[in-house]
Amino acid sequence: MGSLFINEWIKLWTKKMPWIFLILIVVFMGIVSFMYHSFEADTALDSENWRVQLESEIEQDRELLQEEGVSDWERDFAQQDIERNEAFLAADINPRQVNNVTFMNDTILGVASFVTLFSVIVASTIVSSEFTTGTIKQLVIRPYERWQFLLSKFLTVVAFAFVLVGTLFVSNYLLGMILFDTVSWSTPIMEQTFNGVGAQESATILIFSKLGLYSLNMLVFVVISFALSTLFKSQALAVGVGIFALFFTSMSQALTMVLGDTVWYKFIILPHLSLTQYVSQDTLMDGVTLPFSLAILAFYVIIMLGLTTFIFQKKDIAY
């Protein structure tokens, strides 16, 4: 089994695509870093007088609430702004402090979406490409079970995905140290929730919680794409459907707002594909906590991998 994995791993890296994806992660991280550096340099609060500036913003928002003819959405925004700024003052945290850990916290998930995209592409092609080129027949005549071939390919995709995650983290960390002030990983950061209320955590807990929850969701996308790669003979179709499934999940938050009160919605996979929301809130919707989401995702992953293995075992590939 180990030899199968090593063989698949070598095959993967003999292609140009993995290297291009690896380079693109570093390039995208570099672009985001310099954009962030330019933007934050213009919006950062004075390191000494930031409390006075926040108090001034609070006073302006309170004056706005007293004015006549202010729309409801402006009042809601002003009230949330007051609560947010008061939370920063109470925690003694400069909300627009610029350093290496705030940079990582603000940017790592944005570039991580490309890690998921590239992992989906690899997962969508690793089996379907064997059908396209006809090399699948050379695999199954070797003295191994079909499920062993499938497992070695799946583990190869998972390993590649984590290589991308590692590349993202290292490049993010190094660029943060080069471009911004370096502070301790125990530095507190106030993470904003959807309702504007701050949740205070150390940089270590916050960043690694985001990265860990993101990685779990990434693995689910890998499983979905890998299943499609196994079920479809067309490489283009497998990639297209895999990418469509990835971008369709961007609608999950909007659908949760509309369908969150229904009984059945919490039992489908879609609302649980945004685990990073649990970093700043305890529930995604009424009664849906992190353990519940993990259980739902585990159920679908087991079903998809089980069906994929069963169908591949029975599939006629003698053509």
Protein backbone atom coordinates (compact mmCIF):
# COMPACT_ATOMS: atom_id res chain seq x y z
CA MET A 1 0.00 0.00 0.00
CA GLY A 2 2.86 2.34 0.83
CA SER A 3 4.42 1.76 -2.57
CA LEU A 4 1.13 2.72 -4.27
CA PHE A 5 1.03 6.00 -2.37
CA ILE A 6 4.66 6.80 -3.19
CA ASN A 7 4.01 6.00 -6.84
CA GLU A 8 0.97 8.31 -6.95
CA TRP A 9 2.88 11.04 -5.11
CA ILE A 10 5.73 10.92 -7.63
CA LYS A 11 3.28 10.86 -10.55
CA LEU A 12 1.57 13.95 -9.20
CA TRP A 13 4.75 16.00 -8.91
CA THR A 14 6.02 15.02 -12.35
CA LYS A 15 3.22 17.18 -13.75
CA LYS A 16 3.44 20.95 -14.10
CA MET A 17 0.07 21.67 -12.51
CA PRO A 18 1.01 21.07 -8.81
CA TRP A 19 4.08 23.27 -9.11
CA ILE A 20 2.07 26.04 -10.77
CA PHE A 21 -0.51 25.88 -7.97
CA LEU A 22 2.24 26.04 -5.35
CA ILE A 23 3.81 29.10 -6.98
CA LEU A 24 0.42 30.79 -7.39
CA ILE A 25 -0.31 30.48 -3.66
CA VAL A 26 2.91 32.37 -2.89
CA VAL A 27 2.21 34.96 -5.61
CA PHE A 28 -1.37 35.56 -4.44
CA MET A 29 -0.16 35.87 -0.85
CA GLY A 30 2.40 38.42 -1.97
CA ILE A 31 -0.21 40.49 -3.82
CA VAL A 32 -2.59 40.43 -0.87
CA SER A 33 0.24 41.36 1.51
CA PHE A 34 1.22 44.50 -0.37
CA MET A 35 -2.43 45.52 -0.88
CA TYR A 36 -3.06 45.06 2.84
CA HIS A 37 0.08 46.99 3.71
CA SER A 38 -0.97 49.93 1.53
CA PHE A 39 -4.56 49.97 2.81
CA GLU A 40 -3.75 49.58 6.51
CA ALA A 41 -1.12 52.30 6.33
CA ASP A 42 -3.93 54.72 5.40
CA THR A 43 -6.58 53.49 7.88
CA ALA A 44 -4.53 52.64 10.98
CA LEU A 45 -5.36 54.51 14.17
CA ASP A 46 -2.63 56.42 15.96
CA SER A 47 -0.83 54.00 18.27
CA GLU A 48 -0.93 56.50 21.17
CA ASN A 49 -4.26 58.29 20.70
CA TRP A 50 -6.43 55.47 19.37
CA ARG A 51 -8.65 55.48 22.47
CA VAL A 52 -9.43 59.19 21.94
CA GLN A 53 -10.23 58.51 18.29
CA LEU A 54 -12.59 55.66 19.16
CA GLU A 55 -14.34 57.76 21.81
CA SER A 56 -14.78 60.48 19.19
CA GLU A 57 -16.34 57.97 16.77
CA ILE A 58 -18.69 56.77 19.51
CA GLU A 59 -19.79 60.33 20.23
CA GLN A 60 -20.44 60.99 16.53
CA ASP A 61 -22.54 57.82 16.26
CA ARG A 62 -24.55 58.80 19.35
CA GLU A 63 -25.24 62.21 17.84
CA LEU A 64 -26.39 60.48 14.66
CA LEU A 65 -28.88 58.41 16.67
CA GLN A 66 -30.40 61.63 18.05
CA GLU A 67 -30.94 63.19 14.64
CA GLU A 68 -34.31 63.26 12.89
CA GLY A 69 -34.84 61.60 9.53
CA VAL A 70 -32.13 58.97 9.96
CA SER A 71 -33.04 55.69 8.25
CA ASP A 72 -33.39 52.46 10.21
CA TRP A 73 -30.37 50.84 8.57
CA GLU A 74 -28.23 53.87 9.45
CA ARG A 75 -29.38 53.64 13.07
CA ASP A 76 -28.62 49.91 13.20
CA PHE A 77 -25.18 50.46 11.71
CA ALA A 78 -24.41 53.30 14.14
CA GLN A 79 -25.56 51.22 17.12
CA GLN A 80 -23.41 48.27 16.06
CA ASP A 81 -20.48 50.64 15.55
CA ILE A 82 -20.93 51.99 19.08
CA GLU A 83 -21.08 48.50 20.60
CA ARG A 84 -18.03 47.41 18.62
CA ASN A 85 -15.93 50.41 19.60
CA GLU A 86 -16.98 50.16 23.25
CA ALA A 87 -15.91 46.49 23.22
CA PHE A 88 -12.48 47.48 21.90
CA LEU A 89 -12.12 50.15 24.57
CA ALA A 90 -13.17 47.75 27.32
CA ALA A 91 -10.65 45.15 26.11
CA ASP A 92 -7.94 47.81 25.60
CA ILE A 93 -7.37 46.63 22.01
CA ASN A 94 -6.62 48.97 19.13
CA PRO A 95 -9.05 47.67 16.44
CA ARG A 96 -6.87 48.78 13.56
CA GLN A 97 -3.52 47.88 15.01
CA VAL A 98 -1.23 46.67 12.24
CA ASN A 99 1.25 43.88 13.05
CA ASN A 100 2.19 40.43 11.83
CA VAL A 101 -0.54 38.54 13.72
CA THR A 102 -3.39 40.91 12.81
CA PHE A 103 -2.20 40.64 9.21
CA MET A 104 -2.33 36.84 9.34
CA ASN A 105 -5.73 36.86 11.02
CA ASP A 106 -7.19 39.22 8.42
CA THR A 107 -5.75 37.65 5.26
CA ILE A 108 -5.07 33.94 5.65
CA LEU A 109 -8.60 32.74 4.91
CA GLY A 110 -8.95 34.98 1.86
CA VAL A 111 -6.03 33.34 0.09
CA ALA A 112 -7.03 29.94 1.52
CA SER A 113 -9.95 29.90 -0.91
CA PHE A 114 -7.40 29.36 -3.68
CA VAL A 115 -5.98 26.39 -1.74
CA THR A 116 -9.44 24.83 -1.79
CA LEU A 117 -9.87 25.61 -5.48
CA PHE A 118 -6.53 24.06 -6.44
CA SER A 119 -7.20 21.01 -4.23
CA VAL A 120 -10.59 20.57 -5.88
CA ILE A 121 -9.00 20.66 -9.35
CA VAL A 122 -6.41 18.02 -8.41
CA ALA A 123 -9.01 15.84 -6.69
CA SER A 124 -11.32 16.16 -9.70
CA THR A 125 -8.65 15.00 -12.16
CA ILE A 126 -6.63 12.39 -10.31
CA VAL A 127 -8.94 9.51 -11.25
CA SER A 128 -10.85 10.91 -14.22
CA SER A 129 -7.55 11.65 -16.01
CA GLU A 130 -6.72 7.94 -15.83
CA PHE A 131 -9.93 7.20 -17.72
CA THR A 132 -9.23 9.98 -20.23
CA THR A 133 -5.73 8.72 -21.04
CA GLY A 134 -6.66 5.04 -20.78
CA THR A 135 -3.98 4.33 -18.15
CA ILE A 136 -6.63 3.10 -15.71
CA LYS A 137 -6.40 -0.34 -17.33
CA GLN A 138 -2.70 -0.53 -16.52
CA LEU A 139 -3.46 0.13 -12.87
CA VAL A 140 -6.09 -2.52 -12.31
CA ILE A 141 -4.04 -5.35 -13.81
CA ARG A 142 -1.46 -4.92 -11.04
CA PRO A 143 -1.68 -7.26 -8.01
CA TYR A 144 -3.66 -4.88 -5.80
CA GLU A 145 -7.31 -4.47 -4.94
CA ARG A 146 -9.15 -1.62 -6.63
CA TRP A 147 -9.93 0.03 -3.31
CA GLN A 148 -6.19 0.19 -2.61
CA PHE A 149 -5.63 2.18 -5.81
CA LEU A 150 -8.48 4.46 -4.85
CA LEU A 151 -7.18 4.96 -1.32
CA SER A 152 -3.65 5.75 -2.52
CA LYS A 153 -4.99 8.41 -4.88
CA PHE A 154 -7.22 9.89 -2.18
CA LEU A 155 -4.34 10.08 0.30
CA THR A 156 -2.20 11.72 -2.39
CA VAL A 157 -4.78 14.46 -2.89
CA VAL A 158 -5.13 15.01 0.87
CA ALA A 159 -1.35 15.22 1.27
CA PHE A 160 -1.12 17.69 -1.62
CA ALA A 161 -3.89 19.83 -0.09
CA PHE A 162 -1.97 20.05 3.18
CA VAL A 163 1.23 20.94 1.32
CA LEU A 164 -0.69 23.90 -0.09
CA VAL A 165 -1.97 24.80 3.38
CA GLY A 166 1.57 24.64 4.74
CA THR A 167 2.85 26.82 1.88
CA LEU A 168 0.09 29.34 2.56
CA PHE A 169 0.87 29.48 6.28
CA VAL A 170 4.65 29.80 5.86
CA SER A 171 4.41 32.49 3.15
CA ASN A 172 1.78 34.37 5.18
CA TYR A 173 3.92 34.21 8.30
CA LEU A 174 7.15 35.32 6.59
CA LEU A 175 5.51 38.19 4.71
CA GLY A 176 3.84 39.33 7.93
CA MET A 177 7.20 39.47 9.70
CA ILE A 178 8.84 41.32 6.79
CA LEU A 179 6.16 43.95 6.18
CA PHE A 180 4.76 44.59 9.66
CA ASP A 181 5.80 44.95 13.28
CA THR A 182 6.38 41.60 14.95
CA VAL A 183 4.47 40.93 18.18
CA SER A 184 3.89 37.91 20.40
CA TRP A 185 1.49 35.18 19.34
CA SER A 186 -0.24 35.66 22.68
CA THR A 187 -1.32 39.16 21.59
CA PRO A 188 -5.12 39.47 22.02
CA ILE A 189 -7.21 40.07 18.91
CA MET A 190 -10.86 41.11 18.85
CA GLU A 191 -12.65 39.03 16.23
CA GLN A 192 -15.84 40.56 14.87
CA THR A 193 -19.05 38.55 14.71
CA PHE A 194 -21.85 38.95 12.17
CA ASN A 195 -23.73 41.11 14.69
CA GLY A 196 -20.74 43.35 15.29
CA VAL A 197 -19.96 42.10 18.80
CA GLY A 198 -16.30 41.37 19.48
CA ALA A 199 -14.95 38.01 20.66
CA GLN A 200 -11.51 38.36 22.25
CA GLU A 201 -8.93 35.60 21.74
CA SER A 202 -5.16 35.31 21.62
CA ALA A 203 -3.65 35.37 18.13
CA THR A 204 -2.54 31.74 18.49
CA ILE A 205 -6.02 30.44 19.30
CA LEU A 206 -7.75 32.61 16.72
CA ILE A 207 -5.46 31.96 13.74
CA PHE A 208 -5.04 28.24 14.30
CA SER A 209 -8.76 27.80 14.99
CA LYS A 210 -9.52 29.43 11.65
CA LEU A 211 -6.91 27.34 9.85
CA GLY A 212 -8.05 24.12 11.50
CA LEU A 213 -11.75 24.62 10.78
CA TYR A 214 -10.95 25.74 7.25
CA SER A 215 -8.88 22.58 6.70
CA LEU A 216 -11.81 20.39 7.77
CA ASN A 217 -14.07 22.09 5.24
CA MET A 218 -11.36 21.78 2.59
CA LEU A 219 -11.21 18.02 3.17
CA VAL A 220 -14.97 17.79 2.59
CA PHE A 221 -14.56 19.55 -0.76
CA VAL A 222 -11.71 17.17 -1.58
CA VAL A 223 -13.96 14.19 -0.85
CA ILE A 224 -16.76 15.60 -3.03
CA SER A 225 -14.39 16.33 -5.91
CA PHE A 226 -12.63 12.98 -5.57
CA ALA A 227 -15.97 11.17 -5.70
CA LEU A 228 -16.87 13.07 -8.87
CA SER A 229 -13.49 12.22 -10.37
CA THR A 230 -14.19 8.53 -9.76
CA LEU A 231 -17.77 8.52 -10.98
CA PHE A 232 -17.34 10.56 -14.18
CA LYS A 233 -15.25 9.35 -17.10
CA SER A 234 -14.92 12.88 -18.46
CA GLN A 235 -12.11 14.85 -16.84
CA ALA A 236 -13.61 18.18 -17.92
CA LEU A 237 -17.02 17.27 -16.48
CA ALA A 238 -15.49 16.19 -13.17
CA VAL A 239 -13.55 19.44 -12.85
CA GLY A 240 -16.54 21.57 -13.88
CA VAL A 241 -18.95 19.96 -11.43
CA GLY A 242 -16.34 20.05 -8.66
CA ILE A 243 -15.69 23.77 -9.09
CA PHE A 244 -19.44 24.46 -9.35
CA ALA A 245 -19.96 22.66 -6.01
CA LEU A 246 -17.22 24.79 -4.47
CA PHE A 247 -18.61 28.14 -5.57
CA PHE A 248 -22.22 27.16 -4.88
CA THR A 249 -21.36 27.04 -1.19
CA SER A 250 -20.75 30.80 -1.26
CA MET A 251 -24.54 31.02 -1.15
CA SER A 252 -24.74 29.01 2.07
CA GLN A 253 -24.92 32.01 4.41
CA ALA A 254 -27.67 33.67 2.37
CA LEU A 255 -29.64 30.42 2.26
CA THR A 256 -29.16 29.94 5.99
CA MET A 257 -30.79 33.32 6.63
CA VAL A 258 -33.79 32.25 4.52
CA LEU A 259 -34.08 28.55 5.40
CA GLY A 260 -32.44 28.46 8.83
CA ASP A 261 -35.77 28.05 10.64
CA THR A 262 -36.83 24.99 8.65
CA VAL A 263 -36.45 21.56 10.23
CA TRP A 264 -34.75 19.85 7.28
CA TYR A 265 -32.19 22.50 6.31
CA LYS A 266 -29.81 21.75 9.19
CA PHE A 267 -29.52 18.11 8.05
CA ILE A 268 -28.18 18.84 4.56
CA ILE A 269 -24.49 19.42 3.95
CA LEU A 270 -24.61 22.97 2.57
CA PRO A 271 -24.89 25.10 5.76
CA HIS A 272 -22.05 23.17 7.40
CA LEU A 273 -19.47 24.05 4.73
CA SER A 274 -18.54 27.28 6.53
CA LEU A 275 -17.05 25.93 9.76
CA THR A 276 -14.84 29.00 10.24
CA GLN A 277 -17.95 30.90 11.37
CA TYR A 278 -17.64 28.99 14.65
CA VAL A 279 -14.52 31.00 15.45
CA SER A 280 -16.66 34.02 16.30
CA GLN A 281 -20.03 32.44 17.15
CA ASP A 282 -21.26 29.37 19.00
CA THR A 283 -24.06 28.41 16.62
CA LEU A 284 -24.72 28.66 12.88
CA MET A 285 -28.47 28.57 13.44
CA ASP A 286 -30.81 27.51 16.21
CA GLY A 287 -29.55 24.23 17.71
CA VAL A 288 -26.62 23.86 15.30
CA THR A 289 -23.27 23.79 17.14
CA LEU A 290 -19.80 22.73 16.03
CA PRO A 291 -20.18 19.07 17.16
CA PHE A 292 -23.48 18.87 15.27
CA SER A 293 -21.89 20.27 12.09
CA LEU A 294 -18.93 17.88 12.37
CA ALA A 295 -21.32 14.94 12.80
CA ILE A 296 -23.31 15.96 9.70
CA LEU A 297 -20.15 16.39 7.62
CA ALA A 298 -18.76 13.06 8.83
CA PHE A 299 -22.00 11.34 7.84
CA TYR A 300 -21.89 12.70 4.28
CA VAL A 301 -18.17 12.01 3.91
CA ILE A 302 -18.61 8.38 4.96
CA ILE A 303 -21.55 7.95 2.58
CA MET A 304 -19.69 9.54 -0.36
CA LEU A 305 -16.49 7.57 0.18
CA GLY A 306 -18.42 4.34 0.72
CA LEU A 307 -20.49 4.75 -2.45
CA THR A 308 -17.44 5.82 -4.44
CA THR A 309 -15.47 2.76 -3.38
CA PHE A 310 -18.40 0.41 -4.04
CA ILE A 311 -19.08 1.83 -7.51
CA PHE A 312 -15.39 1.82 -8.46
CA GLN A 313 -15.12 -1.82 -7.38
CA LYS A 314 -17.99 -2.74 -9.72
CA LYS A 315 -17.20 -0.34 -12.54
CA ASP A 316 -16.46 -1.74 -15.98
CA ILE A 317 -13.21 -0.14 -17.10
CA ALA A 318 -12.24 -2.66 -19.80
CA TYR A 319 -12.49 -0.27 -22.74
